[in-house]
Amino acid sequence: MTSNRTTTPPDDACLLCGTSEGLTVEHIIPQTLWKRFGIDPDRDDLAQYRTVLCNRHNQATSALHGRAEVMDLIEHGEPRDPKTLVLLADWAVWVTLLLGLARGSGVLGASASRALLLERFDGVRGGGPKGVRVYAALVSEYVEASGEARSQFALALVGDSRVVLDPAGEPVGLSFRLGPVNASEAIGLGKVALLVVGRTHSSGPDHLKRLDAAAADVGLSRIWPPDSSVPELVEQQVSITDVSRLFTVMPFSSDMSLMPPGIRALGG
């Protein structure tokens, strides 16, 4: 089997390894979940949630969807115990990586996303990517964007080639190279809204706390990395549009307060 970690496979090849043998349709959002909602998973308008994988990688990803408690939480809002929230966060990371890679809009970029997915589903390494944060909200109703003048925070992602580093590895500027399209990936399914945020360069003291505070402003609580206490997820109205717009990779018309000091200084 041919490995393909740096280039994009053609449409008639496995999205992850590039082989053209034993191809299958992968439902990135699992069929069992669509069926729980009474939805045909093969509907044409759900094609964006499907991709092509070889049989080996399809079987590997199927294990990700085989956690009944996670599917129950998405459908019913329960159980919300620490173990299930950790499993939900793990599911969210790998599903959003697959979705981003399939759409060409991944938080980590195609090469990095593919390498991480191959490591995970080839059994090389478990666990989530270092530094990724996952936020969740329990949804009573999905609503339109609030219409309020909300801040959109620019983030400097670790590994983004547009972030210029000094010899000590500290961010000092931005280039005009190609890089990740998004700083985060949002998804709303059933009773759960999720936001997966890529690993970021620090903006200074309390950077991570301020990331959490920004997420809390749109109703999200951090579920990964887990805290010492279980987050109180209370059913609420959620605008997935507001959630998806919260963070961006480019500083244009954005709140720069979560960008590294060396980059903020460029704006005077």
Protein backbone atom coordinates (compact mmCIF):
# COMPACT_ATOMS: atom_id res chain seq x y z
CA MET A 1 0.00 0.00 0.00
CA THR A 2 1.33 3.43 -0.93
CA SER A 3 1.63 6.06 1.78
CA ASN A 4 0.74 9.65 0.87
CA ARG A 5 1.30 12.08 3.71
CA THR A 6 2.14 15.31 1.91
CA THR A 7 0.03 15.44 -1.24
CA THR A 8 -3.72 15.31 -1.77
CA PRO A 9 -4.95 11.95 -3.11
CA PRO A 10 -7.24 11.97 -6.15
CA ASP A 11 -10.99 11.55 -5.70
CA ASP A 12 -10.74 7.84 -6.53
CA ALA A 13 -8.22 7.12 -3.77
CA CYS A 14 -8.21 6.84 0.02
CA LEU A 15 -8.21 10.31 1.55
CA LEU A 16 -5.62 9.23 4.11
CA CYS A 17 -3.11 6.88 2.49
CA GLY A 18 -3.76 7.41 -1.22
CA THR A 19 -4.32 3.77 -2.17
CA SER A 20 -6.83 3.02 -4.94
CA GLU A 21 -7.52 -0.51 -3.68
CA GLY A 22 -10.45 -1.65 -1.54
CA LEU A 23 -12.15 1.75 -1.49
CA THR A 24 -15.24 2.41 0.62
CA VAL A 25 -17.49 5.34 1.45
CA GLU A 26 -16.69 6.76 4.87
CA HIS A 27 -19.52 8.53 6.70
CA ILE A 28 -17.52 11.05 8.72
CA ILE A 29 -20.67 11.77 10.69
CA PRO A 30 -21.62 8.15 11.42
CA GLN A 31 -24.62 6.55 9.78
CA THR A 32 -25.92 5.41 13.15
CA LEU A 33 -26.16 9.02 14.33
CA TRP A 34 -28.05 10.20 11.24
CA LYS A 35 -30.42 7.25 11.63
CA ARG A 36 -31.04 8.15 15.28
CA PHE A 37 -32.40 11.46 13.96
CA GLY A 38 -34.48 9.70 11.30
CA ILE A 39 -32.23 10.96 8.48
CA ASP A 40 -31.05 8.91 5.49
CA PRO A 41 -27.22 9.08 5.73
CA ASP A 42 -26.93 8.68 1.94
CA ARG A 43 -28.93 11.80 1.10
CA ASP A 44 -27.33 13.92 -1.61
CA ASP A 45 -27.21 17.02 0.59
CA LEU A 46 -25.13 15.11 3.16
CA ALA A 47 -22.35 14.37 0.66
CA GLN A 48 -20.14 16.96 2.42
CA TYR A 49 -20.05 14.59 5.41
CA ARG A 50 -18.81 11.63 3.36
CA THR A 51 -15.42 10.83 1.89
CA VAL A 52 -13.47 7.92 0.37
CA LEU A 53 -11.29 5.68 2.54
CA CYS A 54 -9.71 2.31 1.95
CA ASN A 55 -11.28 -0.58 3.80
CA ARG A 56 -8.47 -0.67 6.38
CA HIS A 57 -8.87 2.98 7.34
CA ASN A 58 -12.66 2.78 7.21
CA GLN A 59 -12.57 -0.02 9.76
CA ALA A 60 -10.18 1.98 11.93
CA THR A 61 -12.37 5.08 11.92
CA SER A 62 -15.49 2.99 12.61
CA ALA A 63 -14.15 2.31 16.09
CA LEU A 64 -14.32 6.04 16.71
CA HIS A 65 -18.09 5.97 16.18
CA GLY A 66 -18.68 2.80 18.19
CA ARG A 67 -18.97 4.56 21.55
CA ALA A 68 -22.65 4.33 22.44
CA GLU A 69 -22.37 6.80 25.31
CA VAL A 70 -21.03 9.50 22.98
CA MET A 71 -23.85 8.93 20.51
CA ASP A 72 -26.33 9.05 23.44
CA LEU A 73 -24.87 12.35 24.63
CA ILE A 74 -25.18 13.86 21.15
CA GLU A 75 -28.76 12.62 20.73
CA HIS A 76 -30.17 13.06 24.25
CA GLY A 77 -27.76 15.35 26.13
CA GLU A 78 -26.85 12.56 28.55
CA PRO A 79 -24.66 11.12 30.04
CA ARG A 80 -22.46 14.08 30.99
CA ASP A 81 -19.97 12.31 33.23
CA PRO A 82 -16.22 13.06 32.96
CA LYS A 83 -15.42 9.92 30.98
CA THR A 84 -18.08 10.58 28.34
CA LEU A 85 -17.05 14.23 27.94
CA VAL A 86 -13.44 13.16 27.35
CA LEU A 87 -14.61 10.61 24.77
CA LEU A 88 -16.78 13.30 23.15
CA ALA A 89 -13.77 15.61 22.92
CA ASP A 90 -11.68 12.86 21.37
CA TRP A 91 -14.45 12.13 18.85
CA ALA A 92 -14.77 15.82 18.00
CA VAL A 93 -11.05 16.25 17.30
CA TRP A 94 -10.79 13.37 14.87
CA VAL A 95 -14.12 14.01 13.16
CA THR A 96 -13.31 17.69 12.57
CA LEU A 97 -9.83 16.75 11.31
CA LEU A 98 -11.42 14.36 8.79
CA LEU A 99 -14.03 16.93 7.79
CA GLY A 100 -11.44 19.67 7.37
CA LEU A 101 -9.17 17.42 5.33
CA ALA A 102 -12.05 16.28 3.09
CA ARG A 103 -13.15 19.88 2.52
CA GLY A 104 -9.67 21.36 2.19
CA SER A 105 -10.23 23.75 5.10
CA GLY A 106 -8.55 22.05 8.05
CA VAL A 107 -7.28 23.89 11.10
CA LEU A 108 -3.86 22.24 10.89
CA GLY A 109 -3.44 22.21 7.11
CA ALA A 110 -3.67 19.17 4.84
CA SER A 111 -0.22 17.68 5.42
CA ALA A 112 -0.31 17.99 9.21
CA SER A 113 -3.91 16.75 9.39
CA ARG A 114 -3.18 13.73 7.20
CA ALA A 115 -0.07 12.84 9.20
CA LEU A 116 -1.97 12.98 12.50
CA LEU A 117 -4.90 10.98 11.14
CA LEU A 118 -2.59 8.30 9.75
CA GLU A 119 -0.74 8.04 13.07
CA ARG A 120 -4.03 7.66 14.92
CA PHE A 121 -5.78 5.23 12.61
CA ASP A 122 -2.68 3.19 11.84
CA GLY A 123 -2.26 2.69 15.58
CA VAL A 124 1.07 4.54 15.76
CA ARG A 125 -0.05 6.99 18.41
CA GLY A 126 -3.22 7.54 20.40
CA GLY A 127 -4.57 10.63 22.08
CA GLY A 128 -5.38 14.02 20.65
CA PRO A 129 -2.98 16.45 18.94
CA LYS A 130 -0.88 18.42 21.42
CA GLY A 131 -2.31 21.78 22.47
CA VAL A 132 -5.74 21.38 20.87
CA ARG A 133 -8.67 22.63 22.96
CA VAL A 134 -12.26 21.42 22.68
CA TYR A 135 -15.31 23.35 23.83
CA ALA A 136 -18.92 22.19 24.06
CA ALA A 137 -22.41 23.49 24.75
CA LEU A 138 -25.64 21.65 25.45
CA VAL A 139 -28.24 22.85 22.97
CA SER A 140 -31.94 23.44 23.61
CA GLU A 141 -32.40 25.09 20.21
CA TYR A 142 -30.18 26.16 17.34
CA VAL A 143 -30.77 29.81 16.46
CA GLU A 144 -29.59 32.31 13.88
CA ALA A 145 -26.56 34.53 14.46
CA SER A 146 -27.15 36.96 17.30
CA GLY A 147 -26.58 40.08 15.21
CA GLU A 148 -24.55 41.59 18.04
CA ALA A 149 -21.19 43.21 17.28
CA ARG A 150 -19.10 40.34 18.63
CA SER A 151 -15.32 40.24 18.62
CA GLN A 152 -13.67 37.81 16.22
CA PHE A 153 -10.35 36.84 17.73
CA ALA A 154 -7.29 36.33 15.56
CA LEU A 155 -5.09 33.42 16.63
CA ALA A 156 -1.55 32.47 15.61
CA LEU A 157 -1.56 28.71 15.12
CA VAL A 158 1.54 26.67 15.89
CA GLY A 159 2.73 25.24 12.58
CA ASP A 160 1.14 27.95 10.42
CA SER A 161 3.83 28.90 7.87
CA ARG A 162 2.53 32.46 7.81
CA VAL A 163 3.68 33.04 11.39
CA VAL A 164 7.25 34.34 11.24
CA LEU A 165 9.44 33.14 14.12
CA ASP A 166 12.64 34.67 15.48
CA PRO A 167 15.72 32.50 16.23
CA ALA A 168 14.29 31.74 19.67
CA GLY A 169 11.07 30.44 18.14
CA GLU A 170 8.96 33.43 19.19
CA PRO A 171 6.39 34.87 16.74
CA VAL A 172 7.47 38.27 15.42
CA GLY A 173 5.45 38.76 12.24
CA LEU A 174 3.21 37.42 9.50
CA SER A 175 4.00 36.45 5.92
CA PHE A 176 1.72 36.12 2.90
CA ARG A 177 2.28 32.38 2.42
CA LEU A 178 -0.53 29.90 2.21
CA GLY A 179 -1.66 28.39 5.48
CA PRO A 180 -4.65 27.00 7.39
CA VAL A 181 -8.00 28.47 6.41
CA ASN A 182 -9.51 28.26 9.90
CA ALA A 183 -8.29 28.60 13.46
CA SER A 184 -11.10 26.35 14.68
CA GLU A 185 -13.76 23.94 13.46
CA ALA A 186 -17.36 24.11 14.69
CA ILE A 187 -19.99 21.43 14.47
CA GLY A 188 -23.53 21.24 15.82
CA LEU A 189 -25.31 17.89 16.07
CA GLY A 190 -28.38 17.05 18.07
CA LYS A 191 -27.99 18.26 21.63
CA VAL A 192 -24.32 19.20 21.35
CA ALA A 193 -22.41 22.08 19.78
CA LEU A 194 -18.65 21.65 19.57
CA LEU A 195 -15.67 23.86 18.79
CA VAL A 196 -12.19 22.43 18.22
CA VAL A 197 -9.41 25.04 18.41
CA GLY A 198 -5.91 24.43 17.07
CA ARG A 199 -2.76 24.80 19.16
CA THR A 200 -1.91 28.49 19.46
CA HIS A 201 1.12 30.64 20.15
CA SER A 202 0.76 32.45 23.47
CA SER A 203 -0.45 36.03 23.66
CA GLY A 204 1.02 36.42 27.14
CA PRO A 205 -0.01 35.62 30.72
CA ASP A 206 -3.33 33.83 31.10
CA HIS A 207 -3.54 33.16 27.36
CA LEU A 208 -5.38 29.87 27.81
CA LYS A 209 -7.75 31.34 30.38
CA ARG A 210 -8.59 34.14 27.95
CA LEU A 211 -9.23 31.59 25.20
CA ASP A 212 -11.67 29.86 27.55
CA ALA A 213 -13.32 33.19 28.41
CA ALA A 214 -13.82 34.03 24.73
CA ALA A 215 -15.45 30.63 24.18
CA ALA A 216 -17.65 31.13 27.25
CA ASP A 217 -18.96 34.36 25.70
CA VAL A 218 -20.76 32.28 23.04
CA GLY A 219 -21.97 29.72 25.59
CA LEU A 220 -19.16 27.15 25.36
CA SER A 221 -17.38 25.30 28.18
CA ARG A 222 -14.00 23.60 27.83
CA ILE A 223 -14.13 19.80 27.88
CA TRP A 224 -10.55 19.20 26.68
CA PRO A 225 -8.10 19.33 28.28
CA PRO A 226 -10.33 18.36 31.20
CA ASP A 227 -10.48 20.48 34.32
CA SER A 228 -10.52 19.29 37.91
CA SER A 229 -14.29 19.75 37.95
CA VAL A 230 -16.90 18.68 35.41
CA PRO A 231 -18.20 21.67 33.41
CA GLU A 232 -21.81 22.53 34.08
CA LEU A 233 -23.47 22.14 30.69
CA VAL A 234 -26.88 23.79 30.87
CA GLU A 235 -29.26 23.60 27.91
CA GLN A 236 -29.27 26.88 26.02
CA GLN A 237 -29.93 28.40 22.64
CA VAL A 238 -26.83 28.27 20.48
CA SER A 239 -25.90 30.01 17.24
CA ILE A 240 -23.46 27.72 15.48
CA THR A 241 -22.69 30.69 13.21
CA ASP A 242 -21.52 32.74 16.19
CA VAL A 243 -19.49 29.76 17.41
CA SER A 244 -17.83 29.21 14.02
CA ARG A 245 -16.93 32.90 13.68
CA LEU A 246 -15.34 33.23 17.11
CA PHE A 247 -11.73 32.59 16.08
CA THR A 248 -9.87 33.34 12.86
CA VAL A 249 -6.29 32.92 11.61
CA MET A 250 -5.99 36.27 9.86
CA PRO A 251 -5.92 39.56 11.77
CA PHE A 252 -8.03 41.62 9.38
CA SER A 253 -10.95 43.32 11.16
CA SER A 254 -10.32 41.08 14.18
CA ASP A 255 -9.57 41.41 17.85
CA MET A 256 -5.79 41.05 18.14
CA SER A 257 -5.67 40.57 21.92
CA LEU A 258 -5.03 36.80 21.63
CA MET A 259 -2.17 37.20 19.13
CA PRO A 260 1.48 37.01 20.32
CA PRO A 261 3.00 40.31 21.55
CA GLY A 262 5.53 40.40 18.70
CA ILE A 263 2.73 40.38 16.15
CA ARG A 264 0.45 42.78 18.05
CA ALA A 265 3.35 45.27 18.13
CA LEU A 266 3.29 45.48 14.33
CA GLY A 267 -0.09 47.15 14.50
CA GLY A 268 1.29 50.00 16.52
